[in-house]
Protein backbone atom coordinates (compact mmCIF):
# COMPACT_ATOMS: atom_id res chain seq x y z
CA UNK A 1 207.68 116.59 136.45
CA UNK A 2 205.43 117.86 133.69
CA UNK A 3 205.57 114.51 131.74
CA UNK A 4 204.28 112.58 135.02
CA UNK A 5 201.62 115.15 135.29
CA UNK A 6 200.49 114.82 131.77
CA UNK A 7 200.48 110.93 132.08
CA UNK A 8 198.27 111.19 135.30
CA UNK A 9 195.85 113.64 133.41
CA UNK A 10 195.59 111.20 130.48
CA UNK A 11 194.85 108.30 132.71
CA UNK A 12 192.16 110.19 134.50
CA UNK A 13 190.53 111.17 131.19
CA UNK A 14 190.62 107.59 130.15
CA UNK A 15 189.03 106.33 133.27
CA UNK A 16 186.27 109.00 133.06
CA UNK A 17 185.46 107.95 129.42
CA UNK A 18 185.31 104.28 130.57
CA UNK A 19 183.03 105.03 133.32
CA UNK A 20 180.82 107.20 131.13
CA UNK A 21 180.47 104.34 128.56
CA UNK A 22 179.78 101.78 131.23
CA UNK A 23 177.02 104.02 132.72
CA UNK A 24 175.51 104.60 129.27
CA UNK A 25 175.50 100.79 128.47
CA UNK A 26 173.69 100.14 131.81
CA UNK A 27 170.96 102.77 131.11
CA UNK A 28 170.42 101.74 127.54
CA UNK A 29 167.48 99.42 126.60
CA UNK A 30 168.18 95.85 126.39
CA UNK A 31 169.38 94.70 122.95
CA UNK A 32 171.16 97.96 122.20
CA UNK A 33 174.55 97.35 120.51
CA UNK A 34 177.49 98.85 122.45
CA UNK A 35 178.72 102.19 121.27
CA UNK A 36 181.04 101.97 118.16
CA UNK A 37 179.56 98.51 117.15
CA UNK A 38 176.25 99.47 115.27
CA UNK A 39 176.31 97.70 112.18
CA UNK A 40 174.95 98.79 108.80
CA UNK A 41 171.22 98.23 108.58
CA UNK A 42 170.46 94.93 106.90
CA UNK A 43 174.19 93.92 107.14
CA UNK A 44 174.70 90.16 107.54
CA UNK A 45 171.62 89.33 105.73
CA UNK A 46 173.44 87.98 102.80
CA UNK A 47 171.60 86.60 99.96
CA UNK A 48 168.30 88.34 100.85
CA UNK A 49 165.77 87.64 98.21
CA UNK A 50 164.37 90.48 96.19
CA UNK A 51 160.58 90.68 96.15
CA UNK A 52 159.06 88.00 93.96
CA UNK A 53 162.52 86.35 93.55
CA UNK A 54 162.44 82.54 93.22
CA UNK A 55 158.83 82.49 91.79
CA UNK A 56 160.07 81.02 88.72
CA UNK A 57 157.52 80.87 85.72
CA UNK A 58 155.07 83.42 87.43
CA UNK A 59 152.23 83.98 85.05
CA UNK A 60 151.69 87.39 83.73
CA UNK A 61 148.36 89.15 84.54
CA UNK A 62 145.57 87.53 82.25
CA UNK A 63 147.88 84.86 81.01
CA UNK A 64 145.92 81.70 80.11
CA UNK A 65 142.46 83.41 80.16
CA UNK A 66 140.33 83.30 77.12
CA UNK A 67 139.62 86.72 75.66
CA UNK A 68 136.16 88.48 75.57
CA UNK A 69 133.78 87.44 72.79
CA UNK A 70 134.17 89.35 69.62
CA UNK A 71 131.85 92.33 69.20
CA UNK A 72 128.55 91.60 67.39
CA UNK A 73 127.81 88.09 68.73
CA UNK A 74 127.24 86.20 71.82
CA UNK A 75 129.09 82.97 70.63
CA UNK A 76 125.83 81.24 69.84
CA UNK A 77 125.16 82.60 66.43
CA UNK A 78 122.86 85.38 67.73
CA UNK A 79 123.56 88.96 66.47
CA UNK A 80 122.58 91.18 69.55
CA UNK A 81 122.60 94.56 67.70
CA UNK A 82 120.45 93.07 65.02
CA UNK A 83 118.00 91.79 67.46
CA UNK A 84 117.90 95.08 69.38
CA UNK A 85 117.25 97.01 66.15
CA UNK A 86 114.36 94.63 65.15
CA UNK A 87 112.71 95.35 68.45
CA UNK A 88 113.13 99.13 68.03
CA UNK A 89 111.68 99.03 64.56
CA UNK A 90 108.71 96.99 65.93
CA UNK A 91 107.92 99.50 68.62
CA UNK A 92 108.23 102.34 66.17
CA UNK A 93 105.75 100.58 63.85
CA UNK A 94 103.31 100.16 66.76
CA UNK A 95 103.73 103.74 67.82
CA UNK A 96 102.93 104.90 64.35
CA UNK A 97 99.74 102.64 64.14
CA UNK A 98 98.68 104.12 67.66
CA UNK A 99 99.31 107.63 66.50
CA UNK A 100 97.26 107.02 63.28
CA UNK A 101 94.38 105.48 65.30
CA UNK A 102 94.39 108.46 67.71
CA UNK A 103 94.26 110.97 64.79
CA UNK A 104 91.23 109.19 63.39
CA UNK A 105 89.50 108.85 66.75
CA UNK A 106 90.01 112.56 67.93
CA UNK A 107 87.66 114.08 65.35
CA UNK A 108 84.88 111.53 66.16
CA UNK A 109 85.30 112.27 69.81
CA UNK A 110 85.20 115.97 69.33
CA UNK A 111 82.02 115.67 67.27
CA UNK A 112 80.42 113.38 69.86
CA UNK A 113 81.18 115.67 72.65
CA UNK A 114 79.92 118.78 70.79
CA UNK A 115 76.72 116.81 69.97
CA UNK A 116 76.26 115.95 73.66
CA UNK A 117 76.71 119.59 74.74
CA UNK A 118 74.09 120.64 72.13
CA UNK A 119 71.72 118.11 73.26
CA UNK A 120 72.12 119.03 76.93
CA UNK A 121 71.47 122.71 75.96
CA UNK A 122 68.32 121.76 74.11
CA UNK A 123 66.92 119.72 76.83
CA UNK A 124 67.36 122.56 79.23
CA UNK A 125 65.15 124.72 76.86
CA UNK A 126 62.43 122.18 76.47
CA UNK A 127 60.71 123.03 79.72
CA UNK A 128 60.68 126.76 78.75
CA UNK A 129 59.25 125.89 75.41
CA UNK A 130 56.55 123.70 76.78
CA UNK A 131 55.47 126.44 79.28
CA UNK A 132 55.17 129.09 76.58
CA UNK A 133 53.25 126.84 74.25
CA UNK A 134 50.75 125.83 77.00
CA UNK A 135 50.35 129.60 77.68
CA UNK A 136 49.68 130.19 74.09
CA UNK A 137 47.01 127.52 74.02
CA UNK A 138 45.09 129.13 76.92
CA UNK A 139 45.42 132.69 75.72
CA UNK A 140 43.35 132.56 72.62
CA UNK A 141 42.23 136.08 72.19
CA UNK A 142 43.99 137.87 75.13
CA UNK A 143 46.34 140.77 74.75
CA UNK A 144 49.16 138.69 76.27
CA UNK A 145 49.08 136.42 73.35
CA UNK A 146 51.18 138.84 71.16
CA UNK A 147 53.80 138.97 73.77
CA UNK A 148 53.94 135.19 74.23
CA UNK A 149 54.31 134.81 70.51
CA UNK A 150 57.19 137.21 70.56
CA UNK A 151 58.88 135.22 73.26
CA UNK A 152 58.32 131.96 71.29
CA UNK A 153 59.88 133.51 68.28
CA UNK A 154 63.00 134.44 70.05
CA UNK A 155 63.17 130.98 71.68
CA UNK A 156 63.02 129.44 68.22
CA UNK A 157 65.74 131.70 66.85
CA UNK A 158 68.14 130.76 69.72
CA UNK A 159 67.49 127.07 69.28
CA UNK A 160 67.88 127.27 65.42
CA UNK A 161 71.28 128.95 65.91
CA UNK A 162 72.32 125.84 67.80
CA UNK A 163 71.01 123.50 65.13
CA UNK A 164 67.80 122.55 66.74
CA UNK A 165 64.60 122.17 64.67
CA UNK A 166 61.00 121.66 65.65
CA UNK A 167 59.15 118.36 64.87
CA UNK A 168 55.39 118.11 64.32
CA UNK A 169 53.16 120.24 62.27
CA UNK A 170 49.54 119.80 61.23
CA UNK A 171 49.19 117.98 57.85
CA UNK A 172 52.45 115.97 58.09
CA UNK A 173 52.39 112.33 57.47
CA UNK A 174 52.78 110.37 60.59
CA UNK A 175 56.33 109.01 61.22
CA UNK A 176 56.81 106.83 64.32
CA UNK A 177 60.35 107.90 64.51
CA UNK A 178 59.50 111.49 64.76
CA UNK A 179 55.87 111.48 66.28
CA UNK A 180 54.25 109.90 69.09
CA UNK A 181 50.45 109.46 68.63
CA UNK A 182 48.68 110.20 71.84
CA UNK A 183 45.12 110.02 70.18
CA UNK A 184 43.26 108.97 66.95
CA UNK A 185 40.50 110.96 65.50
CA UNK A 186 38.23 109.92 62.60
CA UNK A 187 38.21 112.34 59.88
CA UNK A 188 36.84 111.53 56.57
CA UNK A 189 38.32 114.82 54.89
CA UNK A 190 41.99 114.20 56.00
CA UNK A 191 44.33 111.35 54.59
CA UNK A 192 44.66 108.27 56.89
CA UNK A 193 47.42 108.73 59.42
CA UNK A 194 47.78 112.30 58.92
CA UNK A 195 48.79 114.77 61.81
CA UNK A 196 45.72 116.72 62.79
CA UNK A 197 47.00 118.37 65.83
CA UNK A 198 50.21 118.91 67.86
CA UNK A 199 49.93 118.71 71.65
CA UNK A 200 53.53 119.06 72.37
CA UNK A 201 56.31 119.86 69.86
CA UNK A 202 59.12 117.57 69.21
CA UNK A 203 62.76 118.63 68.65
CA UNK A 204 65.59 117.30 66.64
CA UNK A 205 69.28 118.15 66.70
CA UNK A 206 70.72 117.69 63.23
CA UNK A 207 69.58 114.14 62.19
CA UNK A 208 68.97 113.11 65.69
CA UNK A 209 65.65 113.13 67.39
CA UNK A 210 65.87 114.41 70.91
CA UNK A 211 62.12 114.25 71.64
CA UNK A 212 59.32 113.16 69.44
CA UNK A 213 56.17 115.29 68.85
CA UNK A 214 52.99 114.30 70.71
CA UNK A 215 50.18 114.45 67.95
CA UNK A 216 46.67 113.51 67.20
CA UNK A 217 46.53 111.33 64.11
CA UNK A 218 43.62 111.31 61.64
CA UNK A 219 41.90 107.94 60.97
CA UNK A 220 40.00 107.58 57.79
CA UNK A 221 36.36 106.55 58.08
CA UNK A 222 35.74 102.73 57.51
CA UNK A 223 32.97 103.52 55.03
CA UNK A 224 35.18 105.90 53.07
CA UNK A 225 37.82 103.17 52.38
């Protein structure tokens, strides 16, 4: 009795397992192998080639390619480092020449600009000097003359400190580079072409004449020659 019951129970379990397997197979996606038959991945692919297999005689990287040119040359007989060094030396010599010219030019440029500044200063004073001189010519015996002479003395001192000197004094020999004759006066007592009178003072800065003096020149009498 017990044996028949055990047999019935075994059959029922076997049927249940078969039905469960059938349902699982029906619900599984197409192409899914039945349970218990899944093979080892890659099995059956006998003789699968390894990567790169069968490529007999494959060249190694860079095989058959000519190597880079040897350092120090371009293959045409030209030495690039030597050419570059020659260019650098040429630029260096040119830079030295430019520097030497600059050193020689700077002192001359400074001297020129200092001279131009002094000349501009002197020209600014010329109008003042002319005004005081005209006042002195008008005030021959007036008490103001002493004050004007004092002012003129101070002006001359200032101009002298800046390197300016007066041009034109009675008795000087006429010099066309320093004097400008505005009149000729016959005078038998004075040598020919002698400055008799200065109508307007001239000025020079160092050796450069800024303004010539306006003078009256003596002319010897024809009968005394």
